[in-house]
């Protein structure tokens, strides 16, 4: 049987493994953590959001970014220290501005397609992940920002999205708990939804195991030797926790490898003589524990995106409320900074005053972003190397579709063997 290796057990790697298994491939997944979904797929904003498919490559984004750099609580923070990786990425990002419209429409279409894929998987495998099908509401404080959003909305409509404008009174009807007296208007996407990415990925990993996958946790792939047919991998496995963990080295032959390693994909690609310019764009979240009835009643059920602060929310079951946001260009730094968490807490108190923020769990993760904000899906220079990575802030939204896309491409290039 054709045997494939998948590097990464986040949402992209696990959906890829699942798609490959359904096609009849034998699959081994490698991940350096002891469980699935322990990095960027752990505590993101929770939105399955075709309405957030707009790519960032626009002149208005650059102007906002320059303005935001003067604010301590800015949605975007750029560490100005020199870095070839950072500034080469930013240069390519700017060069993609002419493709803003086409890429936004393409991403919207892909997000809509991915939505049904994910729903079908959850239903087929009976995965419970705090799924809420109540739509996503984007809110705006003034006419200027709403007018800009109206132009963006046309692109989303061109991509096939069902989305419409709403007045302040309609906003209050859609989400009564929102303190919205100073809002100008909003856009509402009833077909969008939210859920817990960590619960979903763990559930799907369990389904992969039932279908015969081998998932090697605590493992780091350390060597790649492409062969005329297939590829040899070497990996180390830690047998105990901590920095001084005992480990052993193993090796094996695979018919192909699929790199789904998030922000580590760029370094892996370099070892395979491929170039994928992925930059780690840091994001933060807090999970507010709704410990009392007042907090549970005062937290929203409808997902929100505040366009001024770029903060998103998701209700995760009865007792949890996720608030996430910010984009930080600071390399592979994973420190949880209190000055970046504080705006999330303050925003929650401002718009949901009935919610107690006494018990909040902070988190940070690195989004794997390409300069054009589109996922990198395709074959490497070697016939046995494939990539499904670089989904940025839309990994949760796009993963179910891109998994099938790379599986179909592998099927074209690597027919199943008995």
Protein backbone atom coordinates (compact mmCIF):
# COMPACT_ATOMS: atom_id res chain seq x y z
CA UNK A 1 0.00 0.00 0.00
CA UNK A 2 1.26 3.49 -0.86
CA UNK A 3 2.66 4.95 2.37
CA UNK A 4 2.69 8.72 2.96
CA UNK A 5 4.24 10.77 5.75
CA UNK A 6 2.48 13.92 7.00
CA UNK A 7 4.55 16.37 9.03
CA UNK A 8 2.38 18.25 11.50
CA UNK A 9 -0.64 17.28 13.62
CA UNK A 10 -2.38 20.64 13.65
CA UNK A 11 -5.64 21.30 11.85
CA UNK A 12 -3.97 21.24 8.41
CA UNK A 13 -1.96 18.08 9.00
CA UNK A 14 -4.81 16.12 10.56
CA UNK A 15 -7.37 17.09 7.89
CA UNK A 16 -4.76 16.12 5.26
CA UNK A 17 -4.16 12.76 6.94
CA UNK A 18 -7.91 12.14 7.11
CA UNK A 19 -8.39 12.95 3.42
CA UNK A 20 -5.50 10.67 2.42
CA UNK A 21 -6.85 7.82 4.55
CA UNK A 22 -10.27 8.11 2.92
CA UNK A 23 -8.60 7.76 -0.49
CA UNK A 24 -6.94 4.53 0.62
CA UNK A 25 -3.40 5.64 1.42
CA UNK A 26 -1.42 4.38 4.39
CA UNK A 27 -0.52 7.40 6.54
CA UNK A 28 2.01 8.18 9.27
CA UNK A 29 1.80 11.58 10.97
CA UNK A 30 4.72 13.17 12.84
CA UNK A 31 4.38 15.90 15.45
CA UNK A 32 6.83 17.22 18.03
CA UNK A 33 4.17 17.60 20.73
CA UNK A 34 2.60 14.80 22.82
CA UNK A 35 -0.88 15.59 21.49
CA UNK A 36 -2.54 16.93 18.35
CA UNK A 37 -3.29 20.63 17.89
CA UNK A 38 -0.92 22.02 20.51
CA UNK A 39 0.38 25.09 18.63
CA UNK A 40 -1.56 27.45 16.35
CA UNK A 41 -4.50 25.03 16.39
CA UNK A 42 -4.86 25.25 20.17
CA UNK A 43 -6.73 28.46 21.08
CA UNK A 44 -7.38 30.63 18.04
CA UNK A 45 -10.37 32.93 17.57
CA UNK A 46 -12.61 29.99 16.72
CA UNK A 47 -14.21 31.53 13.64
CA UNK A 48 -15.05 29.52 10.53
CA UNK A 49 -15.21 32.76 8.64
CA UNK A 50 -15.63 33.14 4.90
CA UNK A 51 -16.50 36.73 5.86
CA UNK A 52 -12.89 37.23 6.93
CA UNK A 53 -11.47 36.10 3.57
CA UNK A 54 -10.20 39.54 2.57
CA UNK A 55 -6.44 39.36 2.04
CA UNK A 56 -4.38 42.05 3.73
CA UNK A 57 -2.47 43.19 0.62
CA UNK A 58 -4.02 46.62 0.15
CA UNK A 59 -2.93 50.23 0.35
CA UNK A 60 -5.48 50.88 3.10
CA UNK A 61 -3.93 48.11 5.23
CA UNK A 62 -0.50 49.70 4.85
CA UNK A 63 -1.85 53.11 5.86
CA UNK A 64 -3.60 51.61 8.88
CA UNK A 65 -0.43 49.77 9.81
CA UNK A 66 1.61 52.97 9.83
CA UNK A 67 -1.04 54.71 11.94
CA UNK A 68 -1.30 51.77 14.34
CA UNK A 69 2.45 51.77 14.97
CA UNK A 70 1.95 54.89 17.09
CA UNK A 71 -0.49 53.08 19.42
CA UNK A 72 0.60 50.86 22.28
CA UNK A 73 -2.55 48.77 21.93
CA UNK A 74 -2.33 48.62 18.13
CA UNK A 75 -3.91 45.67 16.33
CA UNK A 76 -0.64 45.35 14.39
CA UNK A 77 2.82 45.54 15.92
CA UNK A 78 6.05 45.41 13.93
CA UNK A 79 9.38 44.85 15.62
CA UNK A 80 11.62 47.21 13.59
CA UNK A 81 14.85 45.33 14.32
CA UNK A 82 16.49 44.18 11.06
CA UNK A 83 15.62 40.70 9.83
CA UNK A 84 16.15 39.48 6.27
CA UNK A 85 13.24 37.06 6.58
CA UNK A 86 10.85 39.73 7.86
CA UNK A 87 11.72 42.46 5.37
CA UNK A 88 11.91 40.12 2.37
CA UNK A 89 8.44 38.88 3.33
CA UNK A 90 7.11 42.43 3.65
CA UNK A 91 8.59 43.35 0.27
CA UNK A 92 6.81 40.42 -1.36
CA UNK A 93 3.65 41.33 0.57
CA UNK A 94 3.64 44.83 -0.93
CA UNK A 95 4.28 43.39 -4.40
CA UNK A 96 1.03 41.43 -4.10
CA UNK A 97 -1.17 44.54 -3.76
CA UNK A 98 -2.18 44.43 -7.47
CA UNK A 99 -3.65 40.95 -6.83
CA UNK A 100 -5.75 42.03 -3.84
CA UNK A 101 -9.11 41.76 -5.59
CA UNK A 102 -8.49 38.42 -7.32
CA UNK A 103 -6.99 36.81 -4.21
CA UNK A 104 -9.82 38.00 -1.97
CA UNK A 105 -12.45 36.54 -4.29
CA UNK A 106 -10.51 33.28 -4.66
CA UNK A 107 -10.12 32.95 -0.88
CA UNK A 108 -13.83 33.62 -0.37
CA UNK A 109 -14.78 30.85 -2.78
CA UNK A 110 -12.37 28.43 -1.15
CA UNK A 111 -13.71 29.27 2.32
CA UNK A 112 -17.29 28.63 1.22
CA UNK A 113 -16.27 25.29 -0.28
CA UNK A 114 -14.33 24.33 2.85
CA UNK A 115 -17.30 25.04 5.12
CA UNK A 116 -19.38 22.11 3.87
CA UNK A 117 -16.35 19.80 3.83
CA UNK A 118 -15.79 20.45 7.53
CA UNK A 119 -19.46 20.08 8.43
CA UNK A 120 -19.58 16.75 6.60
CA UNK A 121 -16.47 15.48 8.42
CA UNK A 122 -17.86 16.45 11.82
CA UNK A 123 -21.15 14.72 11.10
CA UNK A 124 -19.52 11.60 9.65
CA UNK A 125 -17.13 11.16 12.58
CA UNK A 126 -19.52 12.44 15.26
CA UNK A 127 -17.08 15.11 16.46
CA UNK A 128 -18.37 17.52 19.13
CA UNK A 129 -16.49 20.83 19.02
CA UNK A 130 -18.82 23.49 20.48
CA UNK A 131 -20.10 24.32 17.01
CA UNK A 132 -22.35 27.40 16.87
CA UNK A 133 -24.14 28.16 13.58
CA UNK A 134 -25.26 31.68 14.50
CA UNK A 135 -23.31 33.65 11.92
CA UNK A 136 -20.58 36.27 12.29
CA UNK A 137 -21.27 39.97 12.83
CA UNK A 138 -18.70 42.60 11.80
CA UNK A 139 -19.12 45.91 13.63
CA UNK A 140 -18.03 49.45 12.71
CA UNK A 141 -17.87 52.62 14.81
CA UNK A 142 -18.05 55.29 12.10
CA UNK A 143 -19.21 55.94 8.55
CA UNK A 144 -15.68 56.02 7.11
CA UNK A 145 -14.83 52.50 8.24
CA UNK A 146 -18.28 51.24 7.22
CA UNK A 147 -17.86 52.71 3.72
CA UNK A 148 -14.52 50.94 3.32
CA UNK A 149 -16.17 47.72 4.47
CA UNK A 150 -18.89 48.21 1.87
CA UNK A 151 -16.26 48.06 -0.90
CA UNK A 152 -14.77 44.92 0.63
CA UNK A 153 -18.22 43.43 0.96
CA UNK A 154 -18.72 43.63 -2.80
CA UNK A 155 -15.66 41.42 -3.28
CA UNK A 156 -17.07 38.88 -0.83
CA UNK A 157 -20.39 38.95 -2.67
CA UNK A 158 -18.51 38.43 -5.95
CA UNK A 159 -16.99 35.35 -4.32
CA UNK A 160 -20.47 33.99 -3.61
CA UNK A 161 -20.89 34.89 0.06
CA UNK A 162 -24.31 35.64 1.56
CA UNK A 163 -23.61 38.81 3.57
CA UNK A 164 -25.60 41.97 4.19
CA UNK A 165 -25.43 45.28 6.01
CA UNK A 166 -27.21 45.83 9.32
CA UNK A 167 -28.20 48.95 11.26
CA UNK A 168 -27.41 49.59 14.95
CA UNK A 169 -30.93 48.50 15.89
CA UNK A 170 -30.53 45.28 13.88
CA UNK A 171 -27.17 44.70 15.59
CA UNK A 172 -28.92 44.81 18.95
CA UNK A 173 -31.45 42.27 17.72
CA UNK A 174 -28.75 39.93 16.41
CA UNK A 175 -26.67 40.12 19.60
CA UNK A 176 -28.54 41.73 22.53
CA UNK A 177 -25.64 41.44 24.99
CA UNK A 178 -23.37 43.74 22.96
CA UNK A 179 -23.01 47.26 24.42
CA UNK A 180 -23.41 48.91 21.04
CA UNK A 181 -24.57 52.48 21.65
CA UNK A 182 -21.63 53.99 19.77
CA UNK A 183 -21.72 51.75 16.68
CA UNK A 184 -22.47 53.11 13.20
CA UNK A 185 -23.45 49.80 11.59
CA UNK A 186 -22.33 46.32 10.69
CA UNK A 187 -22.24 43.47 8.21
CA UNK A 188 -23.75 40.11 9.05
CA UNK A 189 -22.90 36.71 7.53
CA UNK A 190 -25.52 34.21 8.70
CA UNK A 191 -23.79 31.23 7.05
CA UNK A 192 -20.53 31.62 9.02
CA UNK A 193 -20.03 29.75 12.27
CA UNK A 194 -17.64 29.11 15.15
CA UNK A 195 -16.18 26.20 17.07
CA UNK A 196 -13.29 24.93 19.14
CA UNK A 197 -10.45 24.11 16.74
CA UNK A 198 -8.61 22.12 19.40
CA UNK A 199 -11.57 19.86 20.14
CA UNK A 200 -12.22 19.32 16.44
CA UNK A 201 -8.60 18.46 15.62
CA UNK A 202 -8.32 16.07 18.58
CA UNK A 203 -11.54 14.38 17.52
CA UNK A 204 -10.39 14.05 13.93
CA UNK A 205 -7.00 12.70 15.04
CA UNK A 206 -8.85 9.98 16.95
CA UNK A 207 -10.87 9.24 13.80
CA UNK A 208 -7.63 8.95 11.81
CA UNK A 209 -6.31 6.39 14.29
CA UNK A 210 -9.49 4.34 13.88
CA UNK A 211 -8.96 4.41 10.12
CA UNK A 212 -5.47 2.97 10.53
CA UNK A 213 -3.20 5.99 10.73
CA UNK A 214 0.01 5.89 12.74
CA UNK A 215 0.59 9.14 14.65
CA UNK A 216 4.06 9.47 16.15
CA UNK A 217 3.94 12.18 18.79
CA UNK A 218 6.99 13.72 20.52
CA UNK A 219 8.82 13.31 17.22
CA UNK A 220 10.92 15.67 15.13
CA UNK A 221 11.81 14.82 11.53
CA UNK A 222 15.52 15.55 11.26
CA UNK A 223 16.54 14.25 7.85
CA UNK A 224 15.21 13.92 4.30
CA UNK A 225 16.84 11.84 1.57
CA UNK A 226 14.87 11.96 -1.70
CA UNK A 227 15.12 8.77 -3.76
CA UNK A 228 14.22 8.03 -7.40
CA UNK A 229 11.06 6.52 -5.95
CA UNK A 230 9.95 7.98 -2.66
CA UNK A 231 11.85 9.58 0.19
CA UNK A 232 13.72 8.41 3.28
CA UNK A 233 13.01 10.18 6.56
CA UNK A 234 14.95 10.20 9.82
CA UNK A 235 13.26 11.28 13.02
CA UNK A 236 13.96 11.51 16.71
CA UNK A 237 11.41 10.54 19.35
CA UNK A 238 11.50 11.96 22.87
CA UNK A 239 10.62 9.31 25.45
CA UNK A 240 10.09 11.67 28.40
CA UNK A 241 9.09 15.28 28.82
CA UNK A 242 11.30 18.31 29.30
CA UNK A 243 14.34 19.76 27.59
CA UNK A 244 16.52 16.86 28.70
CA UNK A 245 14.17 14.21 27.36
CA UNK A 246 15.65 10.86 26.44
CA UNK A 247 15.30 10.26 22.73
CA UNK A 248 16.01 7.73 20.04
CA UNK A 249 16.45 8.00 16.29
CA UNK A 250 14.38 6.11 13.77
CA UNK A 251 14.22 6.06 10.00
CA UNK A 252 11.91 4.80 7.31
CA UNK A 253 11.03 4.93 3.65
CA UNK A 254 7.86 6.62 2.39
CA UNK A 255 6.39 6.99 -1.05
CA UNK A 256 5.89 10.70 -0.41
CA UNK A 257 5.87 13.34 2.32
CA UNK A 258 3.32 16.12 2.84
CA UNK A 259 4.61 19.12 4.79
CA UNK A 260 1.85 20.65 6.95
CA UNK A 261 4.17 22.07 9.58
CA UNK A 262 2.86 25.62 9.96
CA UNK A 263 5.57 28.17 10.65
CA UNK A 264 8.23 25.44 10.54
CA UNK A 265 7.38 24.66 6.91
CA UNK A 266 9.82 27.24 5.54
CA UNK A 267 12.80 25.61 7.27
CA UNK A 268 11.71 22.13 6.20
CA UNK A 269 11.24 23.32 2.61
CA UNK A 270 14.79 24.71 2.61
CA UNK A 271 16.11 21.25 3.54
CA UNK A 272 14.25 19.90 0.50
CA UNK A 273 15.62 22.62 -1.83
CA UNK A 274 12.24 24.38 -2.02
CA UNK A 275 11.47 27.99 -1.17
CA UNK A 276 8.27 28.82 0.70
CA UNK A 277 8.29 32.28 2.22
CA UNK A 278 6.20 31.80 5.34
CA UNK A 279 6.45 34.29 8.19
CA UNK A 280 5.23 33.65 11.77
CA UNK A 281 2.62 36.34 12.48
CA UNK A 282 1.86 36.21 16.18
CA UNK A 283 -1.66 36.36 17.55
CA UNK A 284 -3.09 36.36 21.07
CA UNK A 285 -6.27 35.15 22.71
CA UNK A 286 -7.92 34.96 26.08
CA UNK A 287 -10.41 32.32 27.07
CA UNK A 288 -12.80 33.87 29.56
CA UNK A 289 -14.22 31.30 31.95
CA UNK A 290 -17.89 32.03 32.51
CA UNK A 291 -18.03 30.88 36.12
CA UNK A 292 -21.28 32.57 37.16
CA UNK A 293 -24.76 32.88 35.73
CA UNK A 294 -24.45 36.62 35.13
CA UNK A 295 -21.35 36.08 32.99
CA UNK A 296 -22.97 33.24 31.08
CA UNK A 297 -26.03 35.36 30.34
CA UNK A 298 -23.94 38.44 29.53
CA UNK A 299 -21.56 36.81 27.02
CA UNK A 300 -22.54 36.81 23.34
CA UNK A 301 -23.65 33.74 21.42
CA UNK A 302 -23.12 35.37 18.01
CA UNK A 303 -19.51 35.66 16.88
CA UNK A 304 -18.14 39.18 16.42
CA UNK A 305 -15.34 40.94 14.58
CA UNK A 306 -14.57 44.52 15.62
CA UNK A 307 -12.97 46.06 12.53
CA UNK A 308 -11.36 48.95 14.43
CA UNK A 309 -9.45 46.75 16.86
CA UNK A 310 -9.36 43.55 14.73
CA UNK A 311 -10.67 41.59 17.73
CA UNK A 312 -12.81 38.51 17.17
CA UNK A 313 -14.98 36.50 19.56
CA UNK A 314 -16.47 33.03 19.77
CA UNK A 315 -18.74 31.40 22.32
CA UNK A 316 -17.39 27.94 23.13
CA UNK A 317 -20.18 26.10 24.83
CA UNK A 318 -21.97 27.36 27.92
CA UNK A 319 -18.94 28.12 30.07
CA UNK A 320 -16.24 29.62 27.80
CA UNK A 321 -15.87 32.82 25.78
CA UNK A 322 -12.90 33.25 23.41
CA UNK A 323 -11.58 36.73 22.56
CA UNK A 324 -8.67 36.93 20.12
CA UNK A 325 -6.78 39.40 17.99
CA UNK A 326 -3.64 41.35 17.12
CA UNK A 327 -0.93 40.66 14.55
CA UNK A 328 2.64 40.89 15.73
CA UNK A 329 5.67 40.67 13.43
CA UNK A 330 8.32 39.57 15.90
CA UNK A 331 9.92 36.42 14.50
CA UNK A 332 9.50 33.15 16.36
CA UNK A 333 8.92 34.84 19.70
CA UNK A 334 6.23 32.94 21.64
CA UNK A 335 6.23 35.04 24.83
CA UNK A 336 2.80 35.96 26.18
CA UNK A 337 3.09 39.72 26.67
CA UNK A 338 0.82 41.30 29.26
CA UNK A 339 0.60 44.53 27.24
CA UNK A 340 -0.89 42.57 24.32
CA UNK A 341 -3.31 40.62 26.52
CA UNK A 342 -4.55 43.74 28.34
CA UNK A 343 -6.40 45.20 25.28
CA UNK A 344 -8.35 41.94 24.89
CA UNK A 345 -9.44 42.07 28.52
CA UNK A 346 -10.30 45.79 28.31
CA UNK A 347 -12.32 45.25 25.13
CA UNK A 348 -14.31 42.47 26.81
CA UNK A 349 -15.11 44.68 29.80
CA UNK A 350 -16.15 47.57 27.56
CA UNK A 351 -18.53 45.68 25.29
CA UNK A 352 -19.73 42.99 27.69
CA UNK A 353 -19.79 44.62 31.14
CA UNK A 354 -21.81 41.77 32.66
CA UNK A 355 -18.99 39.29 31.97
CA UNK A 356 -16.47 38.77 34.74
CA UNK A 357 -12.88 38.66 33.45
CA UNK A 358 -11.51 37.46 36.77
CA UNK A 359 -10.72 34.04 35.32
CA UNK A 360 -9.03 34.41 31.92
CA UNK A 361 -6.55 32.04 30.29
CA UNK A 362 -4.08 33.86 27.98
CA UNK A 363 -2.51 32.21 24.93
CA UNK A 364 -0.39 33.08 21.93
CA UNK A 365 0.28 31.32 18.64
CA UNK A 366 2.18 31.89 15.41
CA UNK A 367 0.12 32.06 12.21
CA UNK A 368 1.97 30.72 9.13
CA UNK A 369 1.46 33.48 6.55
CA UNK A 370 2.60 33.71 2.94
CA UNK A 371 3.15 37.14 1.33
CA UNK A 372 -0.01 36.83 -0.81
CA UNK A 373 -2.05 35.55 2.17
CA UNK A 374 -2.98 32.41 0.21
CA UNK A 375 -2.17 28.85 1.34
CA UNK A 376 0.69 27.10 -0.42
CA UNK A 377 -0.67 23.87 -1.88
CA UNK A 378 1.38 21.87 -4.33
CA UNK A 379 4.33 19.70 -5.24
CA UNK A 380 7.95 20.53 -4.46
CA UNK A 381 10.92 20.16 -6.79
CA UNK A 382 11.11 16.49 -5.93
CA UNK A 383 8.26 14.33 -7.16
CA UNK A 384 7.73 12.82 -3.70
CA UNK A 385 7.42 16.11 -1.79
CA UNK A 386 4.14 17.99 -1.34
CA UNK A 387 3.04 21.02 0.70
CA UNK A 388 -0.22 22.06 2.32
CA UNK A 389 0.74 25.00 4.48
CA UNK A 390 0.77 28.77 4.90
CA UNK A 391 -2.93 29.26 5.69
CA UNK A 392 -2.29 32.25 7.96
CA UNK A 393 -5.31 33.43 9.96
CA UNK A 394 -7.65 31.16 7.94
CA UNK A 395 -6.24 27.72 8.68
CA UNK A 396 -9.35 26.64 10.62
CA UNK A 397 -11.58 28.03 7.86
CA UNK A 398 -9.78 26.60 4.80
CA UNK A 399 -8.21 23.35 6.01
CA UNK A 400 -10.97 20.91 5.07
CA UNK A 401 -10.89 22.05 1.42
CA UNK A 402 -7.13 22.33 1.03
CA UNK A 403 -6.73 18.82 2.46
CA UNK A 404 -8.82 17.44 -0.39
CA UNK A 405 -6.98 19.63 -2.90
CA UNK A 406 -3.56 18.26 -1.97
CA UNK A 407 -4.93 14.71 -1.78
CA UNK A 408 -6.27 15.01 -5.32
CA UNK A 409 -2.94 16.37 -6.53
CA UNK A 410 -1.08 13.52 -4.86
CA UNK A 411 -3.50 11.07 -6.50
CA UNK A 412 -2.65 12.50 -9.91
CA UNK A 413 1.10 12.23 -9.33
CA UNK A 414 1.25 9.15 -7.12
CA UNK A 415 -1.32 6.46 -7.94
CA UNK A 416 -2.34 4.07 -5.19
CA UNK A 417 -0.40 0.82 -4.98
CA UNK A 418 -1.92 -2.34 -3.61
